[in-house]
């Protein structure tokens, strides 16, 4: 059926770029929501930095694991 079709495999640089751009968006959302709740810039910045360090690493690992999984991909 799809004789000439190639399987798409994402390069690590694409995964990293996706993770970084997603993190920028999350940094903005984290800062804004915590600032609106507390009214304190230093608390919002602290939360934003700490939470985004460990969640960035987790997101990257999650992307790489899913890239190696063939589930849901058509051959």
N, C-alpha and C. Protein backbone atom coordinates (compact mmCIF):
# COMPACT_ATOMS: atom_id res chain seq x y z
N UNK A 1 0.81 -1.20 0.00
CA UNK A 1 0.00 0.00 0.00
C UNK A 1 0.85 1.27 0.00
N UNK A 2 1.69 1.43 1.00
CA UNK A 2 2.57 2.60 1.12
C UNK A 2 4.01 2.17 0.88
N UNK A 3 4.28 1.56 -0.26
CA UNK A 3 5.58 0.96 -0.54
C UNK A 3 6.74 1.93 -0.44
N UNK A 4 6.60 3.15 -0.96
CA UNK A 4 7.70 4.10 -0.97
C UNK A 4 7.75 5.02 0.23
N UNK A 5 6.87 4.81 1.18
CA UNK A 5 6.78 5.72 2.32
C UNK A 5 7.88 5.44 3.34
N UNK A 6 8.52 6.51 3.83
CA UNK A 6 9.57 6.38 4.83
C UNK A 6 9.00 6.64 6.21
N UNK A 7 9.61 6.02 7.20
CA UNK A 7 9.21 6.24 8.58
C UNK A 7 9.93 7.48 9.09
N UNK A 8 9.19 8.42 9.63
CA UNK A 8 9.76 9.64 10.18
C UNK A 8 10.38 9.35 11.54
N UNK A 9 11.62 9.73 11.69
CA UNK A 9 12.30 9.60 12.98
C UNK A 9 12.85 10.97 13.35
N UNK A 10 12.42 11.46 14.47
CA UNK A 10 12.80 12.80 14.89
C UNK A 10 14.23 12.83 15.41
N UNK A 11 15.01 13.82 14.96
CA UNK A 11 16.38 13.99 15.44
C UNK A 11 16.37 14.61 16.82
N UNK A 12 17.44 14.39 17.57
CA UNK A 12 17.52 14.91 18.93
C UNK A 12 17.48 16.44 18.94
N UNK A 13 18.00 17.08 17.89
CA UNK A 13 17.99 18.55 17.86
C UNK A 13 16.57 19.09 17.73
N UNK A 14 15.72 18.39 16.99
CA UNK A 14 14.31 18.79 16.88
C UNK A 14 13.62 18.64 18.23
N UNK A 15 13.86 17.52 18.90
CA UNK A 15 13.26 17.30 20.23
C UNK A 15 13.71 18.39 21.21
N UNK A 16 15.00 18.72 21.16
CA UNK A 16 15.52 19.74 22.06
C UNK A 16 14.92 21.11 21.75
N UNK A 17 14.81 21.45 20.48
CA UNK A 17 14.21 22.73 20.09
C UNK A 17 12.75 22.82 20.52
N UNK A 18 12.01 21.74 20.34
CA UNK A 18 10.62 21.70 20.78
C UNK A 18 10.53 21.89 22.30
N UNK A 19 11.44 21.23 23.03
CA UNK A 19 11.43 21.34 24.48
C UNK A 19 11.73 22.77 24.93
N UNK A 20 12.70 23.41 24.29
CA UNK A 20 13.08 24.78 24.67
C UNK A 20 11.95 25.77 24.37
N UNK A 21 11.36 25.69 23.18
CA UNK A 21 10.28 26.64 22.85
C UNK A 21 9.06 26.41 23.74
N UNK A 22 8.77 25.16 24.06
CA UNK A 22 7.67 24.87 24.97
C UNK A 22 7.97 25.44 26.36
N UNK A 23 9.20 25.29 26.80
CA UNK A 23 9.58 25.80 28.11
C UNK A 23 9.47 27.32 28.20
N UNK A 24 9.81 28.03 27.14
CA UNK A 24 9.66 29.49 27.14
C UNK A 24 8.20 29.85 27.38
N UNK A 25 7.30 29.17 26.69
CA UNK A 25 5.88 29.41 26.90
C UNK A 25 5.48 29.11 28.34
N UNK A 26 5.95 28.00 28.89
CA UNK A 26 5.61 27.63 30.26
C UNK A 26 6.22 28.60 31.27
N UNK A 27 7.43 29.09 31.01
CA UNK A 27 8.03 30.10 31.90
C UNK A 27 7.12 31.32 32.03
N UNK A 28 6.63 31.78 30.91
CA UNK A 28 5.75 32.95 30.90
C UNK A 28 4.46 32.66 31.67
N UNK A 29 3.87 31.51 31.40
CA UNK A 29 2.62 31.14 32.08
C UNK A 29 2.83 30.94 33.58
N UNK A 30 3.93 30.26 33.97
CA UNK A 30 4.21 30.05 35.39
C UNK A 30 4.40 31.37 36.12
N UNK A 31 5.23 32.23 35.55
CA UNK A 31 5.48 33.51 36.20
C UNK A 31 4.18 34.30 36.35
N UNK A 32 3.41 34.38 35.28
CA UNK A 32 2.17 35.16 35.31
C UNK A 32 1.19 34.64 36.33
N UNK A 33 0.97 33.33 36.35
CA UNK A 33 -0.01 32.78 37.29
C UNK A 33 0.42 32.93 38.74
N UNK A 34 1.70 32.67 39.04
CA UNK A 34 2.17 32.80 40.43
C UNK A 34 2.18 34.28 40.84
N UNK A 35 2.56 35.15 39.95
CA UNK A 35 2.54 36.58 40.26
C UNK A 35 1.11 37.06 40.53
N UNK A 36 0.16 36.62 39.73
CA UNK A 36 -1.24 37.01 39.94
C UNK A 36 -1.77 36.48 41.27
N UNK A 37 -1.32 35.31 41.68
CA UNK A 37 -1.77 34.73 42.95
C UNK A 37 -1.11 35.37 44.17
N UNK A 38 0.17 35.75 44.04
CA UNK A 38 0.91 36.25 45.20
C UNK A 38 1.17 37.74 45.16
N UNK A 39 1.27 38.30 43.96
CA UNK A 39 1.62 39.71 43.83
C UNK A 39 3.09 39.98 44.12
N UNK A 40 3.90 38.93 44.20
CA UNK A 40 5.31 39.08 44.55
C UNK A 40 6.20 38.54 43.44
N UNK A 41 7.00 39.43 42.89
CA UNK A 41 7.88 39.08 41.79
C UNK A 41 8.91 38.02 42.18
N UNK A 42 9.52 38.16 43.37
CA UNK A 42 10.57 37.22 43.77
C UNK A 42 10.03 35.80 43.95
N UNK A 43 8.82 35.65 44.44
CA UNK A 43 8.22 34.32 44.58
C UNK A 43 7.91 33.74 43.20
N UNK A 44 7.36 34.56 42.32
CA UNK A 44 7.03 34.10 40.97
C UNK A 44 8.29 33.69 40.22
N UNK A 45 9.36 34.47 40.33
CA UNK A 45 10.63 34.13 39.67
C UNK A 45 11.23 32.85 40.23
N UNK A 46 11.22 32.72 41.55
CA UNK A 46 11.77 31.52 42.19
C UNK A 46 11.03 30.27 41.76
N UNK A 47 9.71 30.32 41.79
CA UNK A 47 8.92 29.16 41.37
C UNK A 47 9.17 28.86 39.91
N UNK A 48 9.18 29.89 39.09
CA UNK A 48 9.36 29.73 37.66
C UNK A 48 10.69 29.03 37.35
N UNK A 49 11.76 29.46 37.98
CA UNK A 49 13.08 28.89 37.71
C UNK A 49 13.21 27.45 38.19
N UNK A 50 12.83 27.20 39.43
CA UNK A 50 12.99 25.85 40.00
C UNK A 50 12.13 24.84 39.27
N UNK A 51 10.87 25.16 39.07
CA UNK A 51 9.97 24.17 38.45
C UNK A 51 10.36 23.89 37.00
N UNK A 52 10.87 24.86 36.33
CA UNK A 52 11.20 24.67 34.92
C UNK A 52 12.53 23.96 34.69
N UNK A 53 13.39 23.93 35.66
CA UNK A 53 14.63 23.17 35.52
C UNK A 53 14.32 21.67 35.47
N UNK A 54 13.59 21.17 36.46
CA UNK A 54 13.34 19.73 36.47
C UNK A 54 12.28 19.30 35.46
N UNK A 55 11.32 20.14 35.15
CA UNK A 55 10.31 19.74 34.17
C UNK A 55 10.86 19.79 32.75
N UNK A 56 11.84 20.64 32.48
CA UNK A 56 12.48 20.66 31.16
C UNK A 56 13.21 19.36 30.90
N UNK A 57 13.95 18.90 31.88
CA UNK A 57 14.66 17.64 31.74
C UNK A 57 13.68 16.48 31.55
N UNK A 58 12.61 16.49 32.31
CA UNK A 58 11.61 15.42 32.19
C UNK A 58 10.93 15.44 30.82
N UNK A 59 10.65 16.61 30.31
CA UNK A 59 10.01 16.72 28.99
C UNK A 59 10.94 16.19 27.89
N UNK A 60 12.19 16.53 27.94
CA UNK A 60 13.15 16.06 26.95
C UNK A 60 13.25 14.53 26.97
N UNK A 61 13.40 13.95 28.15
CA UNK A 61 13.49 12.50 28.27
C UNK A 61 12.20 11.86 27.74
N UNK A 62 11.06 12.42 28.09
CA UNK A 62 9.76 11.91 27.64
C UNK A 62 9.68 11.91 26.12
N UNK A 63 10.11 12.99 25.48
CA UNK A 63 10.12 13.08 24.02
C UNK A 63 11.01 12.02 23.39
N UNK A 64 12.18 11.81 23.95
CA UNK A 64 13.12 10.84 23.38
C UNK A 64 12.60 9.41 23.54
N UNK A 65 11.97 9.11 24.66
CA UNK A 65 11.39 7.78 24.86
C UNK A 65 10.28 7.55 23.84
N UNK A 66 9.39 8.51 23.67
CA UNK A 66 8.31 8.36 22.70
C UNK A 66 8.84 8.28 21.27
N UNK A 67 9.94 8.93 20.98
CA UNK A 67 10.53 8.85 19.64
C UNK A 67 10.99 7.42 19.33
N UNK A 68 11.39 6.68 20.32
CA UNK A 68 11.84 5.30 20.13
C UNK A 68 10.69 4.30 20.11
N UNK A 69 9.50 4.75 20.46
CA UNK A 69 8.33 3.88 20.52
C UNK A 69 7.60 3.90 19.19
N UNK A 70 7.34 2.75 18.64
CA UNK A 70 6.65 2.67 17.35
C UNK A 70 5.13 2.64 17.50
N UNK A 71 4.63 2.55 18.70
CA UNK A 71 3.19 2.49 18.94
C UNK A 71 2.51 3.73 18.34
N UNK A 72 1.48 3.50 17.53
CA UNK A 72 0.75 4.59 16.95
C UNK A 72 1.31 5.13 15.64
N UNK A 73 2.46 4.60 15.21
CA UNK A 73 3.05 5.00 13.93
C UNK A 73 2.64 3.98 12.88
N UNK A 74 2.33 4.47 11.72
CA UNK A 74 2.00 3.57 10.62
C UNK A 74 3.26 3.28 9.83
N UNK A 75 3.38 2.04 9.39
CA UNK A 75 4.54 1.64 8.58
C UNK A 75 4.20 1.76 7.12
